[in-house]
N, C-alpha and C. Protein backbone atom coordinates (compact mmCIF):
# COMPACT_ATOMS: atom_id res chain seq x y z
N MET A 1 0.85 -1.18 0.00
CA MET A 1 0.00 0.00 0.00
C MET A 1 0.90 1.24 0.00
N LYS A 2 0.53 2.22 -0.79
CA LYS A 2 1.27 3.48 -0.85
C LYS A 2 1.23 4.17 0.51
N ALA A 3 2.28 4.93 0.80
CA ALA A 3 2.39 5.60 2.10
C ALA A 3 1.22 6.54 2.36
N TRP A 4 0.78 7.29 1.35
CA TRP A 4 -0.32 8.23 1.56
C TRP A 4 -1.64 7.52 1.82
N LYS A 5 -1.83 6.36 1.18
CA LYS A 5 -3.05 5.58 1.43
C LYS A 5 -3.04 5.03 2.85
N ALA A 6 -1.87 4.53 3.27
CA ALA A 6 -1.74 3.99 4.63
C ALA A 6 -1.97 5.10 5.66
N PHE A 7 -1.46 6.30 5.39
CA PHE A 7 -1.66 7.42 6.31
C PHE A 7 -3.14 7.78 6.40
N GLU A 8 -3.83 7.83 5.26
CA GLU A 8 -5.26 8.13 5.28
C GLU A 8 -6.03 7.07 6.06
N ALA A 9 -5.67 5.81 5.91
CA ALA A 9 -6.33 4.73 6.65
C ALA A 9 -6.07 4.85 8.15
N THR A 10 -4.85 5.20 8.51
CA THR A 10 -4.50 5.39 9.92
C THR A 10 -5.27 6.56 10.52
N ALA A 11 -5.36 7.66 9.77
CA ALA A 11 -6.12 8.83 10.24
C ALA A 11 -7.59 8.48 10.41
N ALA A 12 -8.16 7.76 9.47
CA ALA A 12 -9.56 7.34 9.58
C ALA A 12 -9.76 6.48 10.82
N ALA A 13 -8.82 5.59 11.10
CA ALA A 13 -8.93 4.72 12.27
C ALA A 13 -8.91 5.51 13.58
N LEU A 14 -8.18 6.64 13.61
CA LEU A 14 -8.17 7.49 14.81
C LEU A 14 -9.58 7.95 15.18
N PHE A 15 -10.41 8.11 14.15
CA PHE A 15 -11.78 8.59 14.36
C PHE A 15 -12.80 7.48 14.15
N HIS A 16 -12.36 6.24 14.26
CA HIS A 16 -13.24 5.07 14.14
C HIS A 16 -14.05 5.13 12.85
N GLY A 17 -13.37 5.49 11.76
CA GLY A 17 -14.07 5.68 10.50
C GLY A 17 -13.44 4.90 9.37
N ARG A 18 -13.66 5.42 8.17
CA ARG A 18 -13.14 4.75 6.98
C ARG A 18 -12.59 5.78 6.01
N ARG A 19 -11.64 5.32 5.24
CA ARG A 19 -10.99 6.14 4.21
C ARG A 19 -11.83 6.07 2.94
N PHE A 20 -11.92 7.18 2.24
CA PHE A 20 -12.57 7.19 0.94
C PHE A 20 -11.54 6.83 -0.12
N TRP A 21 -11.92 6.06 -1.11
CA TRP A 21 -10.98 5.73 -2.18
C TRP A 21 -10.73 6.97 -3.02
N ALA A 22 -9.60 7.03 -3.67
CA ALA A 22 -9.08 8.25 -4.30
C ALA A 22 -10.04 8.91 -5.29
N ASN A 23 -10.74 8.18 -6.09
CA ASN A 23 -11.61 8.76 -7.12
C ASN A 23 -13.08 8.69 -6.74
N SER A 24 -13.36 8.74 -5.44
CA SER A 24 -14.75 8.59 -4.97
C SER A 24 -15.58 9.84 -5.21
N GLY A 25 -14.94 10.96 -5.51
CA GLY A 25 -15.66 12.21 -5.69
C GLY A 25 -15.83 12.98 -4.40
N GLU A 26 -15.34 12.43 -3.29
CA GLU A 26 -15.41 13.12 -2.00
C GLU A 26 -14.32 14.18 -1.93
N ARG A 27 -14.63 15.32 -1.32
CA ARG A 27 -13.62 16.37 -1.13
C ARG A 27 -12.73 16.05 0.07
N THR A 28 -13.19 15.17 0.93
CA THR A 28 -12.41 14.79 2.11
C THR A 28 -11.82 13.41 1.90
N ASP A 29 -10.83 13.06 2.75
CA ASP A 29 -10.15 11.78 2.62
C ASP A 29 -10.75 10.68 3.48
N PHE A 30 -11.46 11.06 4.55
CA PHE A 30 -12.06 10.05 5.42
C PHE A 30 -13.26 10.61 6.16
N ALA A 31 -14.05 9.69 6.70
CA ALA A 31 -15.17 10.06 7.56
C ALA A 31 -15.11 9.16 8.79
N GLY A 32 -15.45 9.74 9.93
CA GLY A 32 -15.44 8.99 11.18
C GLY A 32 -16.36 9.68 12.18
N ARG A 33 -16.10 9.44 13.46
CA ARG A 33 -16.95 10.02 14.50
C ARG A 33 -16.13 10.48 15.69
N ILE A 34 -16.64 11.54 16.32
CA ILE A 34 -16.22 11.94 17.65
C ILE A 34 -17.51 11.94 18.45
N GLY A 35 -17.65 10.95 19.31
CA GLY A 35 -18.92 10.80 20.03
C GLY A 35 -20.05 10.61 19.05
N LYS A 36 -21.07 11.46 19.14
CA LYS A 36 -22.22 11.35 18.25
C LYS A 36 -22.05 12.16 16.96
N HIS A 37 -20.95 12.90 16.85
CA HIS A 37 -20.74 13.79 15.71
C HIS A 37 -20.00 13.11 14.57
N LEU A 38 -20.52 13.26 13.36
CA LEU A 38 -19.81 12.82 12.17
C LEU A 38 -18.64 13.77 11.92
N VAL A 39 -17.48 13.22 11.58
CA VAL A 39 -16.28 14.01 11.33
C VAL A 39 -15.76 13.66 9.95
N ARG A 40 -15.46 14.69 9.18
CA ARG A 40 -14.84 14.50 7.87
C ARG A 40 -13.47 15.14 7.90
N GLY A 41 -12.49 14.43 7.36
CA GLY A 41 -11.12 14.92 7.47
C GLY A 41 -10.34 14.90 6.19
N GLN A 42 -9.34 15.77 6.17
CA GLN A 42 -8.35 15.84 5.11
C GLN A 42 -7.04 15.32 5.67
N CYS A 43 -6.24 14.69 4.83
CA CYS A 43 -4.92 14.20 5.22
C CYS A 43 -3.87 14.77 4.30
N LYS A 44 -2.73 15.13 4.88
CA LYS A 44 -1.61 15.60 4.09
C LYS A 44 -0.35 14.93 4.61
N LEU A 45 0.31 14.20 3.73
CA LEU A 45 1.61 13.60 4.00
C LEU A 45 2.57 14.36 3.10
N ALA A 46 3.35 15.28 3.69
CA ALA A 46 4.13 16.21 2.88
C ALA A 46 5.50 16.47 3.49
N LYS A 47 6.44 16.83 2.64
CA LYS A 47 7.76 17.24 3.14
C LYS A 47 7.67 18.61 3.77
N THR A 48 6.88 19.51 3.17
CA THR A 48 6.68 20.84 3.72
C THR A 48 5.21 21.22 3.55
N LEU A 49 4.72 22.02 4.47
CA LEU A 49 3.36 22.55 4.40
C LEU A 49 3.36 23.83 5.21
N SER A 50 3.05 24.93 4.56
CA SER A 50 3.06 26.21 5.27
C SER A 50 1.89 26.30 6.24
N LEU A 51 2.02 27.18 7.20
CA LEU A 51 0.92 27.43 8.13
C LEU A 51 -0.29 27.95 7.37
N GLU A 52 -0.07 28.79 6.37
CA GLU A 52 -1.17 29.29 5.54
C GLU A 52 -1.85 28.14 4.81
N GLY A 53 -1.07 27.22 4.26
CA GLY A 53 -1.63 26.06 3.57
C GLY A 53 -2.44 25.18 4.51
N LEU A 54 -1.92 24.95 5.70
CA LEU A 54 -2.63 24.16 6.70
C LEU A 54 -3.93 24.84 7.11
N THR A 55 -3.87 26.16 7.30
CA THR A 55 -5.06 26.91 7.67
C THR A 55 -6.12 26.83 6.58
N LYS A 56 -5.72 26.95 5.33
CA LYS A 56 -6.68 26.85 4.22
C LYS A 56 -7.34 25.49 4.19
N LEU A 57 -6.58 24.43 4.44
CA LEU A 57 -7.16 23.08 4.49
C LEU A 57 -8.21 22.99 5.60
N ALA A 58 -7.89 23.53 6.77
CA ALA A 58 -8.80 23.46 7.91
C ALA A 58 -10.05 24.30 7.70
N GLU A 59 -9.97 25.32 6.85
CA GLU A 59 -11.11 26.20 6.59
C GLU A 59 -12.00 25.73 5.45
N GLU A 60 -11.60 24.69 4.73
CA GLU A 60 -12.40 24.22 3.60
C GLU A 60 -13.78 23.79 4.06
N PRO A 61 -14.80 24.10 3.27
CA PRO A 61 -16.15 23.66 3.62
C PRO A 61 -16.21 22.13 3.72
N GLY A 62 -16.85 21.64 4.76
CA GLY A 62 -17.00 20.20 4.94
C GLY A 62 -15.84 19.51 5.62
N VAL A 63 -14.77 20.25 5.93
CA VAL A 63 -13.62 19.66 6.61
C VAL A 63 -13.70 20.00 8.09
N ASP A 64 -13.73 18.96 8.93
CA ASP A 64 -13.78 19.15 10.38
C ASP A 64 -12.41 19.07 11.02
N VAL A 65 -11.52 18.28 10.42
CA VAL A 65 -10.21 18.03 11.00
C VAL A 65 -9.21 17.79 9.88
N VAL A 66 -7.96 18.18 10.14
CA VAL A 66 -6.87 17.92 9.20
C VAL A 66 -5.82 17.10 9.93
N CYS A 67 -5.43 15.99 9.32
CA CYS A 67 -4.35 15.16 9.87
C CYS A 67 -3.13 15.36 8.97
N VAL A 68 -2.01 15.67 9.60
CA VAL A 68 -0.79 16.02 8.88
C VAL A 68 0.36 15.17 9.40
N LYS A 69 1.21 14.78 8.49
CA LYS A 69 2.41 14.04 8.87
C LYS A 69 3.55 14.46 7.95
N VAL A 70 4.73 14.68 8.53
CA VAL A 70 5.91 15.05 7.74
C VAL A 70 6.46 13.80 7.08
N ARG A 71 6.71 13.92 5.79
CA ARG A 71 7.32 12.82 5.05
C ARG A 71 8.83 13.01 5.12
N ARG A 72 9.49 12.20 5.96
CA ARG A 72 10.94 12.33 6.19
C ARG A 72 11.76 11.36 5.37
N GLY A 73 11.12 10.36 4.83
CA GLY A 73 11.84 9.34 4.07
C GLY A 73 11.68 7.98 4.72
N ARG A 74 11.99 6.97 3.96
CA ARG A 74 11.83 5.59 4.40
C ARG A 74 12.58 5.33 5.71
N GLY A 75 11.86 4.78 6.68
CA GLY A 75 12.45 4.42 7.96
C GLY A 75 12.62 5.57 8.94
N LYS A 76 12.22 6.77 8.55
CA LYS A 76 12.36 7.94 9.42
C LYS A 76 10.96 8.39 9.84
N GLU A 77 10.53 7.92 10.98
CA GLU A 77 9.17 8.17 11.47
C GLU A 77 8.94 9.62 11.85
N SER A 78 7.69 10.03 11.80
CA SER A 78 7.27 11.34 12.30
C SER A 78 5.87 11.17 12.91
N PRO A 79 5.54 12.01 13.89
CA PRO A 79 4.23 11.87 14.53
C PRO A 79 3.12 12.44 13.65
N THR A 80 1.92 11.94 13.84
CA THR A 80 0.74 12.48 13.18
C THR A 80 0.24 13.66 14.00
N LEU A 81 -0.03 14.77 13.34
CA LEU A 81 -0.62 15.94 13.98
C LEU A 81 -2.09 16.00 13.60
N VAL A 82 -2.93 16.28 14.57
CA VAL A 82 -4.37 16.38 14.35
C VAL A 82 -4.74 17.84 14.62
N VAL A 83 -5.27 18.52 13.59
CA VAL A 83 -5.50 19.96 13.65
C VAL A 83 -6.99 20.26 13.46
N PHE A 84 -7.53 21.03 14.41
CA PHE A 84 -8.90 21.52 14.34
C PHE A 84 -8.86 23.04 14.36
N THR A 85 -9.86 23.68 13.76
CA THR A 85 -10.07 25.10 14.05
C THR A 85 -10.68 25.13 15.45
N ALA A 86 -10.55 26.23 16.15
CA ALA A 86 -11.14 26.34 17.49
C ALA A 86 -12.66 26.15 17.42
N GLU A 87 -13.27 26.67 16.37
CA GLU A 87 -14.72 26.52 16.20
C GLU A 87 -15.12 25.05 16.07
N ASN A 88 -14.40 24.29 15.24
CA ASN A 88 -14.72 22.87 15.07
C ASN A 88 -14.43 22.09 16.34
N TYR A 89 -13.33 22.40 17.00
CA TYR A 89 -13.00 21.71 18.24
C TYR A 89 -14.12 21.89 19.27
N THR A 90 -14.56 23.13 19.42
CA THR A 90 -15.62 23.45 20.37
C THR A 90 -16.91 22.72 20.01
N ARG A 91 -17.26 22.74 18.74
CA ARG A 91 -18.50 22.08 18.29
C ARG A 91 -18.44 20.56 18.51
N LEU A 92 -17.32 19.96 18.19
CA LEU A 92 -17.21 18.50 18.23
C LEU A 92 -16.95 17.94 19.63
N HIS A 93 -16.33 18.73 20.48
CA HIS A 93 -16.00 18.24 21.81
C HIS A 93 -16.91 18.79 22.90
N GLY A 94 -17.87 19.63 22.53
CA GLY A 94 -18.86 20.10 23.48
C GLY A 94 -18.32 21.04 24.54
N VAL A 95 -17.28 21.79 24.21
CA VAL A 95 -16.73 22.76 25.15
C VAL A 95 -17.69 23.94 25.25
N GLN A 96 -18.05 24.30 26.46
CA GLN A 96 -18.96 25.41 26.68
C GLN A 96 -18.19 26.72 26.74
N ASP A 97 -18.86 27.83 26.41
CA ASP A 97 -18.22 29.15 26.44
C ASP A 97 -17.64 29.46 27.82
N GLU A 98 -18.33 29.04 28.88
CA GLU A 98 -17.82 29.32 30.24
C GLU A 98 -16.51 28.58 30.48
N GLN A 99 -16.37 27.36 29.92
CA GLN A 99 -15.15 26.59 30.08
C GLN A 99 -13.99 27.23 29.34
N VAL A 100 -14.26 27.81 28.18
CA VAL A 100 -13.23 28.44 27.38
C VAL A 100 -12.70 29.68 28.08
N ALA A 101 -13.60 30.44 28.71
CA ALA A 101 -13.21 31.67 29.38
C ALA A 101 -12.38 31.43 30.65
N ALA A 102 -12.52 30.28 31.25
CA ALA A 102 -11.82 29.99 32.52
C ALA A 102 -10.34 29.85 32.37
């Protein structure tokens, strides 16, 4: 399996979901759940990704979460980063305004 496919499958598993196949017509790479909420995510396995690029991915319509991993080369592991906008995090995790202010 190609590295990017394996990464998408791993990201989907984090959210107890499934990866969409490449030509499915979906704008997102996977769908899963956080509690009762459906989550759709984008995955990027890249050598470089600017903060602006990451922000644009997180702001795309229909994207709840972005999973990112640095591609360092064969045998050189890197951690998976899970990125939410504050708005999506609050919506999906049920954080109340009073909790945020504290």
